[in-house]
PDB file of all heavy atoms in Angstrom:
ATOM      1  N   HIS A   1     -16.572   9.571 -16.423  1.00  0.00           N
ATOM      2  CA  HIS A   1     -15.548   9.816 -17.451  1.00  0.00           C
ATOM      3  C   HIS A   1     -14.202   9.329 -16.951  1.00  0.00           C
ATOM      4  O   HIS A   1     -13.817   9.601 -15.818  1.00  0.00           O
ATOM      5  CB  HIS A   1     -15.446  11.311 -17.773  1.00  0.00           C
ATOM      6  CG  HIS A   1     -14.290  11.658 -18.673  1.00  0.00           C
ATOM      7  ND1 HIS A   1     -13.267  12.478 -18.273  1.00  0.00           N
ATOM      8  CD2 HIS A   1     -13.970  11.249 -19.917  1.00  0.00           C
ATOM      9  CE1 HIS A   1     -12.384  12.594 -19.261  1.00  0.00           C
ATOM     10  NE2 HIS A   1     -12.786  11.868 -20.267  1.00  0.00           N
ATOM     11  N   SER A   2     -13.494   8.554 -17.784  1.00  0.00           N
ATOM     12  CA  SER A   2     -12.134   8.138 -17.502  1.00  0.00           C
ATOM     13  C   SER A   2     -12.056   7.390 -16.159  1.00  0.00           C
ATOM     14  O   SER A   2     -12.767   6.398 -15.968  1.00  0.00           O
ATOM     15  CB  SER A   2     -11.225   9.373 -17.504  1.00  0.00           C
ATOM     16  OG  SER A   2      -9.860   9.011 -17.494  1.00  0.00           O
ATOM     17  N   TYR A   3     -11.249   7.850 -15.219  1.00  0.00           N
ATOM     18  CA  TYR A   3     -11.177   7.259 -13.886  1.00  0.00           C
ATOM     19  C   TYR A   3     -12.529   7.304 -13.180  1.00  0.00           C
ATOM     20  O   TYR A   3     -12.830   6.451 -12.331  1.00  0.00           O
ATOM     21  CB  TYR A   3     -10.100   7.982 -13.080  1.00  0.00           C
ATOM     22  CG  TYR A   3     -10.118   7.717 -11.591  1.00  0.00           C
ATOM     23  CD1 TYR A   3      -9.534   6.557 -11.062  1.00  0.00           C
ATOM     24  CD2 TYR A   3     -10.708   8.633 -10.715  1.00  0.00           C
ATOM     25  CE1 TYR A   3      -9.539   6.340  -9.696  1.00  0.00           C
ATOM     26  CE2 TYR A   3     -10.718   8.407  -9.356  1.00  0.00           C
ATOM     27  CZ  TYR A   3     -10.139   7.252  -8.830  1.00  0.00           C
ATOM     28  OH  TYR A   3     -10.143   7.024  -7.481  1.00  0.00           O
ATOM     29  N   GLY A   4     -13.375   8.274 -13.556  1.00  0.00           N
ATOM     30  CA  GLY A   4     -14.723   8.327 -12.997  1.00  0.00           C
ATOM     31  C   GLY A   4     -15.533   7.079 -13.272  1.00  0.00           C
ATOM     32  O   GLY A   4     -16.462   6.737 -12.542  1.00  0.00           O
ATOM     33  N   GLY A   5     -15.177   6.362 -14.354  1.00  0.00           N
ATOM     34  CA  GLY A   5     -15.824   5.086 -14.640  1.00  0.00           C
ATOM     35  C   GLY A   5     -15.520   4.058 -13.567  1.00  0.00           C
ATOM     36  O   GLY A   5     -16.369   3.225 -13.199  1.00  0.00           O
ATOM     37  N   GLU A   6     -14.267   4.082 -13.054  1.00  0.00           N
ATOM     38  CA  GLU A   6     -13.938   3.204 -11.944  1.00  0.00           C
ATOM     39  C   GLU A   6     -14.749   3.525 -10.705  1.00  0.00           C
ATOM     40  O   GLU A   6     -15.194   2.642  -9.964  1.00  0.00           O
ATOM     41  CB  GLU A   6     -12.451   3.320 -11.613  1.00  0.00           C
ATOM     42  CG  GLU A   6     -11.537   2.800 -12.690  1.00  0.00           C
ATOM     43  CD  GLU A   6     -10.107   2.754 -12.222  1.00  0.00           C
ATOM     44  OE1 GLU A   6      -9.744   1.784 -11.508  1.00  0.00           O
ATOM     45  OE2 GLU A   6      -9.345   3.681 -12.558  1.00  0.00           O
ATOM     46  N   VAL A   7     -14.952   4.819 -10.478  1.00  0.00           N
ATOM     47  CA  VAL A   7     -15.699   5.240  -9.300  1.00  0.00           C
ATOM     48  C   VAL A   7     -17.136   4.755  -9.391  1.00  0.00           C
ATOM     49  O   VAL A   7     -17.661   4.159  -8.423  1.00  0.00           O
ATOM     50  CB  VAL A   7     -15.640   6.783  -9.149  1.00  0.00           C
ATOM     51  CG1 VAL A   7     -16.560   7.228  -8.008  1.00  0.00           C
ATOM     52  CG2 VAL A   7     -14.200   7.210  -8.869  1.00  0.00           C
ATOM     53  N   ILE A   8     -17.813   4.976 -10.509  1.00  0.00           N
ATOM     54  CA  ILE A   8     -19.221   4.546 -10.586  1.00  0.00           C
ATOM     55  C   ILE A   8     -19.326   3.019 -10.544  1.00  0.00           C
ATOM     56  O   ILE A   8     -20.314   2.479 -10.066  1.00  0.00           O
ATOM     57  CB  ILE A   8     -19.952   5.134 -11.803  1.00  0.00           C
ATOM     58  CG1 ILE A   8     -19.425   4.607 -13.136  1.00  0.00           C
ATOM     59  CG2 ILE A   8     -19.903   6.659 -11.784  1.00  0.00           C
ATOM     60  CD1 ILE A   8     -20.287   4.996 -14.341  1.00  0.00           C
ATOM     61  N   SER A   9     -18.325   2.335 -11.060  1.00  0.00           N
ATOM     62  CA  SER A   9     -18.333   0.853 -11.006  1.00  0.00           C
ATOM     63  C   SER A   9     -18.254   0.347  -9.581  1.00  0.00           C
ATOM     64  O   SER A   9     -18.709  -0.767  -9.289  1.00  0.00           O
ATOM     65  CB  SER A   9     -17.175   0.288 -11.806  1.00  0.00           C
ATOM     66  OG  SER A   9     -17.292   0.577 -13.186  1.00  0.00           O
ATOM     67  N   ASN A  10     -17.657   1.146  -8.702  1.00  0.00           N
ATOM     68  CA  ASN A  10     -17.448   0.724  -7.311  1.00  0.00           C
ATOM     69  C   ASN A  10     -18.430   1.346  -6.325  1.00  0.00           C
ATOM     70  O   ASN A  10     -18.327   1.102  -5.130  1.00  0.00           O
ATOM     71  CB  ASN A  10     -16.020   1.017  -6.898  1.00  0.00           C
ATOM     72  CG  ASN A  10     -15.039  -0.020  -7.416  1.00  0.00           C
ATOM     73  OD1 ASN A  10     -14.745  -1.005  -6.756  1.00  0.00           O
ATOM     74  ND2 ASN A  10     -14.557   0.187  -8.644  1.00  0.00           N
ATOM     75  N   VAL A  11     -19.368   2.148  -6.824  1.00  0.00           N
ATOM     76  CA  VAL A  11     -20.425   2.653  -5.982  1.00  0.00           C
ATOM     77  C   VAL A  11     -21.264   1.469  -5.490  1.00  0.00           C
ATOM     78  O   VAL A  11     -21.587   0.562  -6.255  1.00  0.00           O
ATOM     79  CB  VAL A  11     -21.308   3.660  -6.728  1.00  0.00           C
ATOM     80  CG1 VAL A  11     -22.626   3.918  -6.012  1.00  0.00           C
ATOM     81  CG2 VAL A  11     -20.550   4.987  -6.904  1.00  0.00           C
ATOM     82  N   GLN A  12     -21.588   1.487  -4.187  1.00  0.00           N
ATOM     83  CA  GLN A  12     -22.395   0.397  -3.621  1.00  0.00           C
ATOM     84  C   GLN A  12     -23.633   0.999  -2.943  1.00  0.00           C
ATOM     85  O   GLN A  12     -23.679   1.164  -1.720  1.00  0.00           O
ATOM     86  CB  GLN A  12     -21.547  -0.374  -2.594  1.00  0.00           C
ATOM     87  CG  GLN A  12     -20.484  -1.246  -3.232  1.00  0.00           C
ATOM     88  CD  GLN A  12     -21.097  -2.384  -4.028  1.00  0.00           C
ATOM     89  OE1 GLN A  12     -21.644  -3.328  -3.459  1.00  0.00           O
ATOM     90  NE2 GLN A  12     -21.036  -2.306  -5.326  1.00  0.00           N
ATOM     91  N   PRO A  13     -24.647   1.335  -3.732  1.00  0.00           N
ATOM     92  CA  PRO A  13     -25.817   2.016  -3.189  1.00  0.00           C
ATOM     93  C   PRO A  13     -26.578   1.126  -2.192  1.00  0.00           C
ATOM     94  O   PRO A  13     -26.776  -0.061  -2.433  1.00  0.00           O
ATOM     95  CB  PRO A  13     -26.651   2.321  -4.428  1.00  0.00           C
ATOM     96  CG  PRO A  13     -26.226   1.316  -5.446  1.00  0.00           C
ATOM     97  CD  PRO A  13     -24.776   1.074  -5.162  1.00  0.00           C
ATOM     98  N   LYS A  14     -27.009   1.749  -1.123  1.00  0.00           N
ATOM     99  CA  LYS A  14     -27.780   1.022  -0.117  1.00  0.00           C
ATOM    100  C   LYS A  14     -29.277   1.296  -0.272  1.00  0.00           C
ATOM    101  O   LYS A  14     -30.094   0.434  -0.039  1.00  0.00           O
ATOM    102  CB  LYS A  14     -27.314   1.427   1.279  1.00  0.00           C
ATOM    103  CG  LYS A  14     -25.846   1.096   1.566  1.00  0.00           C
ATOM    104  CD  LYS A  14     -25.412   1.621   2.904  1.00  0.00           C
ATOM    105  CE  LYS A  14     -23.925   1.300   3.174  1.00  0.00           C
ATOM    106  NZ  LYS A  14     -23.036   1.938   2.203  1.00  0.00           N
ATOM    107  N   THR A  15     -29.596   2.511  -0.671  1.00  0.00           N
ATOM    108  CA  THR A  15     -31.007   2.871  -0.837  1.00  0.00           C
ATOM    109  C   THR A  15     -31.305   3.418  -2.230  1.00  0.00           C
ATOM    110  O   THR A  15     -32.460   3.384  -2.648  1.00  0.00           O
ATOM    111  CB  THR A  15     -31.410   3.938   0.199  1.00  0.00           C
ATOM    112  OG1 THR A  15     -30.591   5.104   0.029  1.00  0.00           O
ATOM    113  CG2 THR A  15     -31.233   3.409   1.619  1.00  0.00           C
ATOM    114  N   ALA A  16     -30.304   3.904  -2.928  1.00  0.00           N
ATOM    115  CA  ALA A  16     -30.570   4.545  -4.218  1.00  0.00           C
ATOM    116  C   ALA A  16     -30.981   3.526  -5.279  1.00  0.00           C
ATOM    117  O   ALA A  16     -30.539   2.378  -5.265  1.00  0.00           O
ATOM    118  CB  ALA A  16     -29.322   5.297  -4.696  1.00  0.00           C
ATOM    119  N   ASN A  17     -31.802   4.005  -6.201  1.00  0.00           N
ATOM    120  CA  ASN A  17     -32.269   3.174  -7.300  1.00  0.00           C
ATOM    121  C   ASN A  17     -31.443   3.509  -8.539  1.00  0.00           C
ATOM    122  O   ASN A  17     -31.840   4.317  -9.360  1.00  0.00           O
ATOM    123  CB  ASN A  17     -33.753   3.430  -7.556  1.00  0.00           C
ATOM    124  CG  ASN A  17     -34.271   2.675  -8.764  1.00  0.00           C
ATOM    125  OD1 ASN A  17     -33.680   1.687  -9.203  1.00  0.00           O
ATOM    126  ND2 ASN A  17     -35.388   3.158  -9.325  1.00  0.00           N
ATOM    127  N   VAL A  18     -30.265   2.905  -8.655  1.00  0.00           N
ATOM    128  CA  VAL A  18     -29.407   3.152  -9.821  1.00  0.00           C
ATOM    129  C   VAL A  18     -29.918   2.278 -10.973  1.00  0.00           C
ATOM    130  O   VAL A  18     -29.886   1.057 -10.893  1.00  0.00           O
ATOM    131  CB  VAL A  18     -27.937   2.844  -9.520  1.00  0.00           C
ATOM    132  CG1 VAL A  18     -27.089   3.032 -10.773  1.00  0.00           C
ATOM    133  CG2 VAL A  18     -27.424   3.716  -8.369  1.00  0.00           C
ATOM    134  N   LYS A  19     -30.390   2.943 -12.013  1.00  0.00           N
ATOM    135  CA  LYS A  19     -31.011   2.190 -13.117  1.00  0.00           C
ATOM    136  C   LYS A  19     -30.086   1.995 -14.304  1.00  0.00           C
ATOM    137  O   LYS A  19     -30.328   1.129 -15.141  1.00  0.00           O
ATOM    138  CB  LYS A  19     -32.299   2.889 -13.582  1.00  0.00           C
ATOM    139  CG  LYS A  19     -32.106   4.253 -14.237  1.00  0.00           C
ATOM    140  CD  LYS A  19     -33.389   4.696 -14.959  1.00  0.00           C
ATOM    141  CE  LYS A  19     -33.684   3.816 -16.157  1.00  0.00           C
ATOM    142  NZ  LYS A  19     -34.860   4.247 -16.935  1.00  0.00           N
ATOM    143  N   ALA A  20     -29.028   2.815 -14.418  1.00  0.00           N
ATOM    144  CA  ALA A  20     -28.172   2.723 -15.595  1.00  0.00           C
ATOM    145  C   ALA A  20     -26.795   3.325 -15.297  1.00  0.00           C
ATOM    146  O   ALA A  20     -26.659   4.218 -14.455  1.00  0.00           O
ATOM    147  CB  ALA A  20     -28.792   3.461 -16.787  1.00  0.00           C
ATOM    148  N   LEU A  21     -25.797   2.810 -16.004  1.00  0.00           N
ATOM    149  CA  LEU A  21     -24.439   3.324 -15.948  1.00  0.00           C
ATOM    150  C   LEU A  21     -24.036   3.755 -17.350  1.00  0.00           C
ATOM    151  O   LEU A  21     -24.310   3.045 -18.325  1.00  0.00           O
ATOM    152  CB  LEU A  21     -23.457   2.244 -15.470  1.00  0.00           C
ATOM    153  CG  LEU A  21     -23.788   1.539 -14.150  1.00  0.00           C
ATOM    154  CD1 LEU A  21     -22.831   0.343 -13.947  1.00  0.00           C
ATOM    155  CD2 LEU A  21     -23.665   2.510 -12.983  1.00  0.00           C
ATOM    156  N   VAL A  22     -23.395   4.915 -17.442  1.00  0.00           N
ATOM    157  CA  VAL A  22     -22.915   5.380 -18.745  1.00  0.00           C
ATOM    158  C   VAL A  22     -21.414   5.662 -18.612  1.00  0.00           C
ATOM    159  O   VAL A  22     -21.004   6.479 -17.773  1.00  0.00           O
ATOM    160  CB  VAL A  22     -23.640   6.648 -19.206  1.00  0.00           C
ATOM    161  CG1 VAL A  22     -23.131   7.061 -20.595  1.00  0.00           C
ATOM    162  CG2 VAL A  22     -25.157   6.412 -19.261  1.00  0.00           C
ATOM    163  N   TYR A  23     -20.632   5.001 -19.444  1.00  0.00           N
ATOM    164  CA  TYR A  23     -19.181   5.140 -19.420  1.00  0.00           C
ATOM    165  C   TYR A  23     -18.743   6.016 -20.590  1.00  0.00           C
ATOM    166  O   TYR A  23     -18.943   5.662 -21.747  1.00  0.00           O
ATOM    167  CB  TYR A  23     -18.510   3.773 -19.507  1.00  0.00           C
ATOM    168  CG  TYR A  23     -18.739   2.923 -18.268  1.00  0.00           C
ATOM    169  CD1 TYR A  23     -19.831   2.058 -18.173  1.00  0.00           C
ATOM    170  CD2 TYR A  23     -17.880   3.036 -17.172  1.00  0.00           C
ATOM    171  CE1 TYR A  23     -20.047   1.304 -17.046  1.00  0.00           C
ATOM    172  CE2 TYR A  23     -18.094   2.260 -16.029  1.00  0.00           C
ATOM    173  CZ  TYR A  23     -19.177   1.417 -15.970  1.00  0.00           C
ATOM    174  OH  TYR A  23     -19.399   0.658 -14.843  1.00  0.00           O
ATOM    175  N   VAL A  24     -18.167   7.153 -20.269  1.00  0.00           N
ATOM    176  CA  VAL A  24     -17.746   8.128 -21.273  1.00  0.00           C
ATOM    177  C   VAL A  24     -16.221   8.158 -21.333  1.00  0.00           C
ATOM    178  O   VAL A  24     -15.576   8.689 -20.435  1.00  0.00           O
ATOM    179  CB  VAL A  24     -18.292   9.533 -20.928  1.00  0.00           C
ATOM    180  CG1 VAL A  24     -17.848  10.548 -21.984  1.00  0.00           C
ATOM    181  CG2 VAL A  24     -19.803   9.506 -20.812  1.00  0.00           C
ATOM    182  N   ALA A  25     -15.662   7.518 -22.373  1.00  0.00           N
ATOM    183  CA  ALA A  25     -14.191   7.388 -22.463  1.00  0.00           C
ATOM    184  C   ALA A  25     -13.647   6.932 -21.121  1.00  0.00           C
ATOM    185  O   ALA A  25     -12.736   7.532 -20.560  1.00  0.00           O
ATOM    186  CB  ALA A  25     -13.562   8.706 -22.901  1.00  0.00           C
ATOM    187  N   ALA A  26     -14.220   5.859 -20.598  1.00  0.00           N
ATOM    188  CA  ALA A  26     -14.004   5.501 -19.199  1.00  0.00           C
ATOM    189  C   ALA A  26     -13.543   4.061 -19.001  1.00  0.00           C
ATOM    190  O   ALA A  26     -13.826   3.167 -19.824  1.00  0.00           O
ATOM    191  CB  ALA A  26     -15.286   5.733 -18.400  1.00  0.00           C
ATOM    192  N   PHE A  27     -12.905   3.847 -17.864  1.00  0.00           N
ATOM    193  CA  PHE A  27     -12.600   2.497 -17.411  1.00  0.00           C
ATOM    194  C   PHE A  27     -13.858   1.880 -16.787  1.00  0.00           C
ATOM    195  O   PHE A  27     -14.587   2.536 -16.044  1.00  0.00           O
ATOM    196  CB  PHE A  27     -11.509   2.519 -16.340  1.00  0.00           C
ATOM    197  CG  PHE A  27     -10.144   2.866 -16.848  1.00  0.00           C
ATOM    198  CD1 PHE A  27      -9.577   4.100 -16.598  1.00  0.00           C
ATOM    199  CD2 PHE A  27      -9.408   1.970 -17.613  1.00  0.00           C
ATOM    200  CE1 PHE A  27      -8.302   4.433 -17.051  1.00  0.00           C
ATOM    201  CE2 PHE A  27      -8.136   2.265 -18.100  1.00  0.00           C
ATOM    202  CZ  PHE A  27      -7.589   3.511 -17.804  1.00  0.00           C
ATOM    203  N   SER A  28     -14.081   0.609 -17.085  1.00  0.00           N
ATOM    204  CA  SER A  28     -15.115  -0.156 -16.394  1.00  0.00           C
ATOM    205  C   SER A  28     -14.463  -1.465 -15.945  1.00  0.00           C
ATOM    206  O   SER A  28     -14.658  -2.524 -16.573  1.00  0.00           O
ATOM    207  CB  SER A  28     -16.326  -0.416 -17.308  1.00  0.00           C
ATOM    208  OG  SER A  28     -15.926  -0.928 -18.572  1.00  0.00           O
ATOM    209  N   PRO A  29     -13.664  -1.402 -14.897  1.00  0.00           N
ATOM    210  CA  PRO A  29     -12.852  -2.562 -14.488  1.00  0.00           C
ATOM    211  C   PRO A  29     -13.667  -3.677 -13.866  1.00  0.00           C
ATOM    212  O   PRO A  29     -14.722  -3.453 -13.275  1.00  0.00           O
ATOM    213  CB  PRO A  29     -11.893  -1.957 -13.469  1.00  0.00           C
ATOM    214  CG  PRO A  29     -12.681  -0.825 -12.871  1.00  0.00           C
ATOM    215  CD  PRO A  29     -13.464  -0.251 -14.019  1.00  0.00           C
ATOM    216  N   ASP A  30     -13.166  -4.870 -14.005  1.00  0.00           N
ATOM    217  CA  ASP A  30     -13.697  -6.012 -13.272  1.00  0.00           C
ATOM    218  C   ASP A  30     -13.021  -6.035 -11.890  1.00  0.00           C
ATOM    219  O   ASP A  30     -12.049  -5.322 -11.652  1.00  0.00           O
ATOM    220  CB  ASP A  30     -13.408  -7.298 -14.032  1.00  0.00           C
ATOM    221  CG  ASP A  30     -14.361  -8.440 -13.620  1.00  0.00           C
ATOM    222  OD1 ASP A  30     -15.067  -8.303 -12.585  1.00  0.00           O
ATOM    223  OD2 ASP A  30     -14.368  -9.466 -14.319  1.00  0.00           O
ATOM    224  N   ILE A  31     -13.544  -6.844 -11.006  1.00  0.00           N
ATOM    225  CA  ILE A  31     -12.962  -6.953  -9.660  1.00  0.00           C
ATOM    226  C   ILE A  31     -11.495  -7.390  -9.785  1.00  0.00           C
ATOM    227  O   ILE A  31     -11.169  -8.334 -10.518  1.00  0.00           O
ATOM    228  CB  ILE A  31     -13.765  -7.968  -8.829  1.00  0.00           C
ATOM    229  CG1 ILE A  31     -15.197  -7.444  -8.630  1.00  0.00           C
ATOM    230  CG2 ILE A  31     -13.081  -8.221  -7.484  1.00  0.00           C
ATOM    231  CD1 ILE A  31     -16.150  -8.471  -8.033  1.00  0.00           C
ATOM    232  N   GLY A  32     -10.624  -6.659  -9.113  1.00  0.00           N
ATOM    233  CA  GLY A  32      -9.203  -6.960  -9.133  1.00  0.00           C
ATOM    234  C   GLY A  32      -8.419  -6.193 -10.192  1.00  0.00           C
ATOM    235  O   GLY A  32      -7.176  -6.196 -10.167  1.00  0.00           O
ATOM    236  N   GLU A  33      -9.111  -5.539 -11.106  1.00  0.00           N
ATOM    237  CA  GLU A  33      -8.439  -4.758 -12.145  1.00  0.00           C
ATOM    238  C   GLU A  33      -8.286  -3.290 -11.716  1.00  0.00           C
ATOM    239  O   GLU A  33      -9.103  -2.779 -10.947  1.00  0.00           O
ATOM    240  CB  GLU A  33      -9.234  -4.819 -13.456  1.00  0.00           C
ATOM    241  CG  GLU A  33      -9.272  -6.207 -14.095  1.00  0.00           C
ATOM    242  CD  GLU A  33     -10.090  -6.238 -15.362  1.00  0.00           C
ATOM    243  OE1 GLU A  33     -10.927  -5.324 -15.576  1.00  0.00           O
ATOM    244  OE2 GLU A  33      -9.927  -7.207 -16.137  1.00  0.00           O
ATOM    245  N   SER A  34      -7.293  -2.649 -12.261  1.00  0.00           N
ATOM    246  CA  SER A  34      -7.058  -1.218 -12.018  1.00  0.00           C
ATOM    247  C   SER A  34      -6.898  -0.506 -13.341  1.00  0.00           C
ATOM    248  O   SER A  34      -6.783  -1.133 -14.405  1.00  0.00           O
ATOM    249  CB  SER A  34      -5.789  -1.020 -11.176  1.00  0.00           C
ATOM    250  OG  SER A  34      -4.651  -1.415 -11.926  1.00  0.00           O
ATOM    251  N   ALA A  35      -6.841   0.832 -13.279  1.00  0.00           N
ATOM    252  CA  ALA A  35      -6.576   1.595 -14.487  1.00  0.00           C
ATOM    253  C   ALA A  35      -5.231   1.207 -15.064  1.00  0.00           C
ATOM    254  O   ALA A  35      -5.078   1.037 -16.289  1.00  0.00           O
ATOM    255  CB  ALA A  35      -6.618   3.086 -14.172  1.00  0.00           C
ATOM    256  N   ALA A  36      -4.250   1.048 -14.199  1.00  0.00           N
ATOM    257  CA  ALA A  36      -2.912   0.715 -14.676  1.00  0.00           C
ATOM    258  C   ALA A  36      -2.874  -0.668 -15.322  1.00  0.00           C
ATOM    259  O   ALA A  36      -2.256  -0.855 -16.373  1.00  0.00           O
ATOM    260  CB  ALA A  36      -1.929   0.782 -13.517  1.00  0.00           C
ATOM    261  N   SER A  37      -3.529  -1.648 -14.717  1.00  0.00           N
ATOM    262  CA  SER A  37      -3.482  -2.990 -15.273  1.00  0.00           C
ATOM    263  C   SER A  37      -4.204  -3.067 -16.609  1.00  0.00           C
ATOM    264  O   SER A  37      -3.770  -3.764 -17.520  1.00  0.00           O
ATOM    265  CB  SER A  37      -4.047  -4.014 -14.278  1.00  0.00           C
ATOM    266  OG  SER A  37      -5.442  -3.835 -14.092  1.00  0.00           O
ATOM    267  N   LEU A  38      -5.332  -2.366 -16.724  1.00  0.00           N
ATOM    268  CA  LEU A  38      -6.058  -2.364 -17.997  1.00  0.00           C
ATOM    269  C   LEU A  38      -5.284  -1.636 -19.078  1.00  0.00           C
ATOM    270  O   LEU A  38      -5.253  -2.075 -20.240  1.00  0.00           O
ATOM    271  CB  LEU A  38      -7.429  -1.731 -17.806  1.00  0.00           C
ATOM    272  CG  LEU A  38      -8.476  -2.615 -17.113  1.00  0.00           C
ATOM    273  CD1 LEU A  38      -9.675  -1.784 -16.660  1.00  0.00           C
ATOM    274  CD2 LEU A  38      -8.945  -3.725 -18.048  1.00  0.00           C
ATOM    275  N   SER A  39      -4.623  -0.545 -18.710  1.00  0.00           N
ATOM    276  CA  SER A  39      -3.819   0.194 -19.694  1.00  0.00           C
ATOM    277  C   SER A  39      -2.664  -0.674 -20.175  1.00  0.00           C
ATOM    278  O   SER A  39      -2.327  -0.655 -21.362  1.00  0.00           O
ATOM    279  CB  SER A  39      -3.283   1.484 -19.075  1.00  0.00           C
ATOM    280  OG  SER A  39      -4.350   2.363 -18.771  1.00  0.00           O
TER     281      SER A  39
END
């Protein structure tokens, strides 16, 4: 949710099997983007 979308976007799992991402009123930034720049 919100800034939490940035967090899940930047998770780098080494062993976990992440199958899906769900963004709830959230930022999903590209590399180099921030919440402030997107806003």
